[in-house]
Structure formats: C-alpha cells, structure tokens
N, C-alpha and C. Protein backbone atom coordinates (compact mmCIF):
# COMPACT_ATOMS: atom_id res chain seq x y z
N MET A 1 -16.11 -20.92 48.68
CA MET A 1 -16.16 -21.05 47.25
C MET A 1 -15.58 -19.84 46.54
N ILE A 2 -15.88 -18.69 47.04
CA ILE A 2 -15.38 -17.48 46.39
C ILE A 2 -13.87 -17.45 46.42
N ILE A 3 -13.27 -17.87 47.51
CA ILE A 3 -11.81 -17.89 47.63
C ILE A 3 -11.21 -18.84 46.58
N GLN A 4 -11.80 -20.00 46.42
CA GLN A 4 -11.30 -20.96 45.45
C GLN A 4 -11.43 -20.39 44.04
N HIS A 5 -12.54 -19.75 43.76
CA HIS A 5 -12.76 -19.16 42.44
C HIS A 5 -11.72 -18.07 42.15
N SER A 6 -11.46 -17.22 43.11
CA SER A 6 -10.48 -16.16 42.88
C SER A 6 -9.08 -16.75 42.73
N HIS A 7 -8.83 -17.86 43.44
CA HIS A 7 -7.53 -18.53 43.30
C HIS A 7 -7.35 -19.04 41.87
N VAL A 8 -8.38 -19.64 41.31
CA VAL A 8 -8.33 -20.13 39.94
C VAL A 8 -8.11 -18.97 38.98
N THR A 9 -8.80 -17.87 39.21
CA THR A 9 -8.64 -16.69 38.36
C THR A 9 -7.22 -16.14 38.46
N LEU A 10 -6.68 -16.09 39.68
CA LEU A 10 -5.31 -15.62 39.86
C LEU A 10 -4.33 -16.52 39.12
N CYS A 11 -4.51 -17.84 39.21
CA CYS A 11 -3.62 -18.78 38.53
C CYS A 11 -3.68 -18.60 37.03
N SER A 12 -4.88 -18.46 36.48
CA SER A 12 -4.98 -18.30 35.03
C SER A 12 -4.41 -16.97 34.59
N ASN A 13 -4.60 -15.90 35.39
CA ASN A 13 -4.00 -14.61 35.06
C ASN A 13 -2.48 -14.70 35.13
N PHE A 14 -1.96 -15.41 36.12
CA PHE A 14 -0.52 -15.59 36.27
C PHE A 14 0.05 -16.30 35.04
N ASN A 15 -0.64 -17.36 34.59
CA ASN A 15 -0.19 -18.12 33.41
C ASN A 15 -0.19 -17.25 32.16
N ILE A 16 -1.22 -16.43 32.01
CA ILE A 16 -1.29 -15.55 30.84
C ILE A 16 -0.19 -14.50 30.89
N MET A 17 0.02 -13.90 32.07
CA MET A 17 1.01 -12.83 32.20
C MET A 17 2.43 -13.33 31.94
N PHE A 18 2.75 -14.50 32.43
CA PHE A 18 4.12 -14.97 32.34
C PHE A 18 4.34 -16.02 31.26
N GLY A 19 3.33 -16.29 30.47
CA GLY A 19 3.48 -17.18 29.32
C GLY A 19 3.68 -18.64 29.65
N LEU A 20 3.26 -19.07 30.82
CA LEU A 20 3.36 -20.49 31.15
C LEU A 20 2.33 -21.26 30.36
N PHE A 21 2.60 -22.50 30.09
CA PHE A 21 1.71 -23.39 29.35
C PHE A 21 1.41 -22.86 27.96
N LYS A 22 2.37 -22.16 27.41
CA LYS A 22 2.22 -21.63 26.06
C LYS A 22 2.50 -22.73 25.05
N LYS A 23 1.75 -22.74 23.96
CA LYS A 23 1.99 -23.74 22.92
C LYS A 23 3.34 -23.47 22.28
N LYS A 24 4.10 -24.53 22.11
CA LYS A 24 5.39 -24.40 21.45
C LYS A 24 5.17 -24.38 19.95
N GLU A 25 5.95 -23.56 19.28
CA GLU A 25 5.85 -23.49 17.82
C GLU A 25 6.48 -24.73 17.22
N LYS A 26 5.77 -25.31 16.27
CA LYS A 26 6.31 -26.48 15.58
C LYS A 26 7.23 -26.00 14.47
N LYS A 27 8.39 -26.61 14.44
CA LYS A 27 9.33 -26.29 13.37
C LYS A 27 8.89 -27.02 12.12
N LYS A 28 8.84 -26.30 11.02
CA LYS A 28 8.49 -26.94 9.77
C LYS A 28 9.70 -27.71 9.28
N HIS A 29 9.45 -28.95 8.96
CA HIS A 29 10.54 -29.84 8.56
C HIS A 29 10.38 -30.20 7.09
N GLN A 30 11.38 -29.92 6.31
CA GLN A 30 11.35 -30.23 4.89
C GLN A 30 12.22 -31.47 4.65
N PRO A 31 11.62 -32.58 4.22
CA PRO A 31 12.42 -33.78 3.93
C PRO A 31 13.40 -33.52 2.79
N LEU A 32 14.49 -34.26 2.81
CA LEU A 32 15.49 -34.12 1.77
C LEU A 32 15.00 -34.72 0.46
N LEU A 33 15.39 -34.13 -0.64
CA LEU A 33 15.11 -34.72 -1.93
C LEU A 33 16.34 -35.54 -2.32
N ALA A 34 16.41 -36.73 -1.73
CA ALA A 34 17.53 -37.64 -1.97
C ALA A 34 17.00 -39.07 -1.94
N ASP A 35 17.67 -39.95 -2.69
CA ASP A 35 17.21 -41.35 -2.73
C ASP A 35 17.66 -42.09 -1.47
N LEU A 36 17.35 -43.39 -1.41
CA LEU A 36 17.69 -44.18 -0.22
C LEU A 36 19.19 -44.28 0.03
N ASN A 37 19.99 -44.07 -1.01
CA ASN A 37 21.45 -44.08 -0.86
C ASN A 37 22.00 -42.68 -0.62
N GLN A 38 21.12 -41.74 -0.32
CA GLN A 38 21.44 -40.35 -0.03
C GLN A 38 22.04 -39.61 -1.23
N GLU A 39 21.74 -40.10 -2.44
CA GLU A 39 22.15 -39.40 -3.66
C GLU A 39 21.14 -38.28 -3.90
N PRO A 40 21.60 -37.04 -4.09
CA PRO A 40 20.65 -35.95 -4.32
C PRO A 40 19.87 -36.14 -5.62
N LEU A 41 18.60 -35.75 -5.59
CA LEU A 41 17.73 -35.87 -6.75
C LEU A 41 17.33 -34.49 -7.25
N GLN A 42 17.07 -34.41 -8.55
CA GLN A 42 16.61 -33.15 -9.13
C GLN A 42 15.72 -33.45 -10.32
N GLU A 43 15.08 -32.42 -10.82
CA GLU A 43 14.20 -32.57 -11.97
C GLU A 43 14.96 -33.18 -13.14
N GLY A 44 14.35 -34.14 -13.81
CA GLY A 44 14.96 -34.80 -14.95
C GLY A 44 15.65 -36.11 -14.64
N ASP A 45 15.91 -36.39 -13.35
CA ASP A 45 16.58 -37.64 -12.96
C ASP A 45 15.67 -38.84 -13.21
N LEU A 46 16.30 -39.97 -13.55
CA LEU A 46 15.60 -41.25 -13.67
C LEU A 46 15.80 -42.02 -12.39
N VAL A 47 14.70 -42.60 -11.88
CA VAL A 47 14.75 -43.35 -10.63
C VAL A 47 13.92 -44.61 -10.75
N GLU A 48 14.20 -45.56 -9.86
CA GLU A 48 13.38 -46.77 -9.73
C GLU A 48 12.54 -46.58 -8.47
N SER A 49 11.23 -46.55 -8.63
CA SER A 49 10.31 -46.32 -7.51
C SER A 49 10.17 -47.60 -6.69
N LEU A 50 10.15 -47.45 -5.38
CA LEU A 50 9.94 -48.58 -4.48
C LEU A 50 8.55 -48.53 -3.85
N ARG A 51 7.68 -47.67 -4.38
CA ARG A 51 6.30 -47.55 -3.91
C ARG A 51 5.36 -47.40 -5.10
N TYR A 52 4.11 -47.72 -4.87
CA TYR A 52 3.02 -47.47 -5.82
C TYR A 52 3.17 -48.18 -7.16
N ASN A 53 4.05 -49.17 -7.27
CA ASN A 53 4.25 -49.93 -8.51
C ASN A 53 4.46 -49.03 -9.72
N LEU A 54 5.29 -48.02 -9.56
CA LEU A 54 5.55 -47.08 -10.66
C LEU A 54 6.65 -47.58 -11.59
N GLY A 55 7.55 -48.42 -11.08
CA GLY A 55 8.68 -48.87 -11.90
C GLY A 55 9.66 -47.74 -12.13
N LYS A 56 10.18 -47.65 -13.36
CA LYS A 56 11.11 -46.56 -13.68
C LYS A 56 10.33 -45.27 -13.86
N CYS A 57 10.88 -44.20 -13.26
CA CYS A 57 10.21 -42.90 -13.29
C CYS A 57 11.19 -41.80 -13.65
N ARG A 58 10.63 -40.72 -14.12
CA ARG A 58 11.39 -39.49 -14.34
C ARG A 58 10.81 -38.45 -13.39
N ILE A 59 11.69 -37.64 -12.79
CA ILE A 59 11.23 -36.56 -11.93
C ILE A 59 10.93 -35.36 -12.82
N ILE A 60 9.70 -34.90 -12.74
CA ILE A 60 9.29 -33.73 -13.53
C ILE A 60 8.72 -32.68 -12.59
N SER A 61 8.54 -31.48 -13.12
CA SER A 61 7.98 -30.39 -12.35
C SER A 61 6.68 -29.95 -13.00
N ASP A 62 5.67 -29.68 -12.18
CA ASP A 62 4.44 -29.10 -12.70
C ASP A 62 4.12 -27.86 -11.87
N GLU A 63 2.92 -27.33 -12.03
CA GLU A 63 2.57 -26.08 -11.34
C GLU A 63 2.55 -26.21 -9.82
N LYS A 64 2.42 -27.44 -9.30
CA LYS A 64 2.37 -27.65 -7.85
C LYS A 64 3.68 -28.14 -7.25
N GLY A 65 4.67 -28.45 -8.07
CA GLY A 65 5.94 -28.92 -7.55
C GLY A 65 6.44 -30.15 -8.27
N LEU A 66 7.32 -30.90 -7.60
CA LEU A 66 7.94 -32.07 -8.22
C LEU A 66 7.04 -33.29 -8.15
N VAL A 67 7.13 -34.08 -9.24
CA VAL A 67 6.29 -35.27 -9.40
C VAL A 67 7.15 -36.38 -9.97
N TYR A 68 6.88 -37.62 -9.52
CA TYR A 68 7.47 -38.79 -10.16
C TYR A 68 6.48 -39.27 -11.21
N GLU A 69 6.93 -39.36 -12.47
CA GLU A 69 6.07 -39.84 -13.55
C GLU A 69 6.59 -41.17 -14.05
N SER A 70 5.75 -42.20 -13.98
CA SER A 70 6.13 -43.53 -14.40
C SER A 70 6.34 -43.54 -15.91
N LEU A 71 7.47 -44.10 -16.34
CA LEU A 71 7.74 -44.23 -17.78
C LEU A 71 6.93 -45.36 -18.38
N GLU A 72 6.47 -46.29 -17.53
CA GLU A 72 5.73 -47.45 -18.01
C GLU A 72 4.22 -47.20 -18.09
N THR A 73 3.67 -46.51 -17.09
CA THR A 73 2.22 -46.33 -17.04
C THR A 73 1.76 -44.88 -17.21
N GLY A 74 2.67 -43.93 -17.02
CA GLY A 74 2.31 -42.51 -17.09
C GLY A 74 1.71 -41.98 -15.79
N LYS A 75 1.53 -42.85 -14.80
CA LYS A 75 0.97 -42.43 -13.52
C LYS A 75 1.91 -41.44 -12.84
N GLN A 76 1.34 -40.44 -12.19
CA GLN A 76 2.14 -39.43 -11.50
C GLN A 76 1.87 -39.47 -10.00
N VAL A 77 2.96 -39.32 -9.21
CA VAL A 77 2.86 -39.30 -7.76
C VAL A 77 3.71 -38.13 -7.26
N ARG A 78 3.13 -37.32 -6.39
CA ARG A 78 3.86 -36.18 -5.80
C ARG A 78 5.03 -36.68 -4.95
N TRP A 79 6.10 -35.89 -4.94
CA TRP A 79 7.33 -36.31 -4.28
C TRP A 79 7.13 -36.51 -2.78
N HIS A 80 6.28 -35.72 -2.13
CA HIS A 80 6.12 -35.85 -0.68
C HIS A 80 5.46 -37.16 -0.27
N LEU A 81 4.77 -37.83 -1.20
CA LEU A 81 4.18 -39.14 -0.89
C LEU A 81 5.21 -40.25 -0.91
N MET A 82 6.39 -39.97 -1.42
CA MET A 82 7.44 -40.98 -1.53
C MET A 82 8.44 -40.90 -0.38
N VAL A 83 8.19 -40.04 0.63
CA VAL A 83 9.12 -39.88 1.74
C VAL A 83 9.03 -41.07 2.68
N ASP A 84 10.18 -41.63 3.02
CA ASP A 84 10.25 -42.70 4.02
C ASP A 84 10.28 -42.03 5.39
N ALA A 85 9.29 -42.27 6.21
CA ALA A 85 9.16 -41.59 7.50
C ALA A 85 10.35 -41.86 8.43
N ALA A 86 10.94 -43.02 8.34
CA ALA A 86 12.04 -43.37 9.25
C ALA A 86 13.33 -42.64 8.90
N THR A 87 13.55 -42.38 7.62
CA THR A 87 14.83 -41.79 7.21
C THR A 87 14.71 -40.40 6.61
N ASP A 88 13.50 -39.96 6.28
CA ASP A 88 13.25 -38.69 5.58
C ASP A 88 13.81 -38.68 4.16
N LEU A 89 14.17 -39.84 3.64
CA LEU A 89 14.67 -39.94 2.27
C LEU A 89 13.55 -40.43 1.37
N GLN A 90 13.72 -40.25 0.08
CA GLN A 90 12.73 -40.71 -0.89
C GLN A 90 12.84 -42.22 -1.06
N LYS A 91 11.69 -42.88 -1.23
CA LYS A 91 11.66 -44.34 -1.43
C LYS A 91 11.89 -44.64 -2.91
N VAL A 92 13.02 -44.20 -3.40
CA VAL A 92 13.43 -44.44 -4.79
C VAL A 92 14.93 -44.71 -4.82
N LYS A 93 15.38 -45.30 -5.91
CA LYS A 93 16.81 -45.47 -6.15
C LYS A 93 17.14 -44.76 -7.45
N LYS A 94 18.13 -43.90 -7.40
CA LYS A 94 18.54 -43.13 -8.57
C LYS A 94 19.21 -44.07 -9.58
N LEU A 95 18.81 -43.93 -10.83
CA LEU A 95 19.40 -44.73 -11.90
C LEU A 95 20.39 -43.88 -12.68
N SER A 96 21.48 -44.51 -13.10
CA SER A 96 22.44 -43.77 -13.92
C SER A 96 21.86 -43.65 -15.34
N PRO A 97 22.02 -42.50 -15.98
CA PRO A 97 21.47 -42.33 -17.32
C PRO A 97 22.18 -43.24 -18.33
N ASP A 98 21.39 -43.74 -19.29
CA ASP A 98 21.97 -44.59 -20.34
C ASP A 98 22.81 -43.72 -21.25
N PRO A 99 24.02 -44.21 -21.64
CA PRO A 99 24.87 -43.41 -22.54
C PRO A 99 24.34 -43.34 -23.94
C-alpha cells in the first residue's frame, strides 16, 4: 500500500511540476454588432427586431452599454440578448432611415 500511495504522490507532483492537466484559458469572445445581413450596427440605427416582439427599435446607449429600445412599446433589451448563437450576429435587420 505504501508503494502505491507514493506512486500516486509522485504522479501528482509530476503533473504539478510539468503543468500537465492544466486548465486551458478560455478566450473571451465578443459577438459582432452586425445584423443578420452582416451590416454593421451602431448607436442611433433603426432596426427591425426578430426577437421579443419589439418591432421597430432604435439602438441607444445607457450606463451599462447598448440597448434596443422599441419605438412601439418603449421596452428595452440589452444587445447581448439579441445574439444569434449559430452566427454570432444580432437577430435584427437594419432599416434604412426615412428621408
């Protein structure tokens, strides 16, 4: 038993010394601020929301970051909640401004 115990201790010391089984650092991934057609979005843009029944929205900025504000209901949704997981794009369509 003592031999097995020292073997386990040696293995764990070996792993610590040489960094085996070390946790890999996760890269922070920032989704693009672009609509489904890959058109870049910025504060002040008008978009048609495809989530949360917001309808037409304006992108505004508050103390915590960018928000979609519904022009019809006034409801606000943070931009990161509108990310499409499959494409990393926003679930919105950019609208051209009325002349």
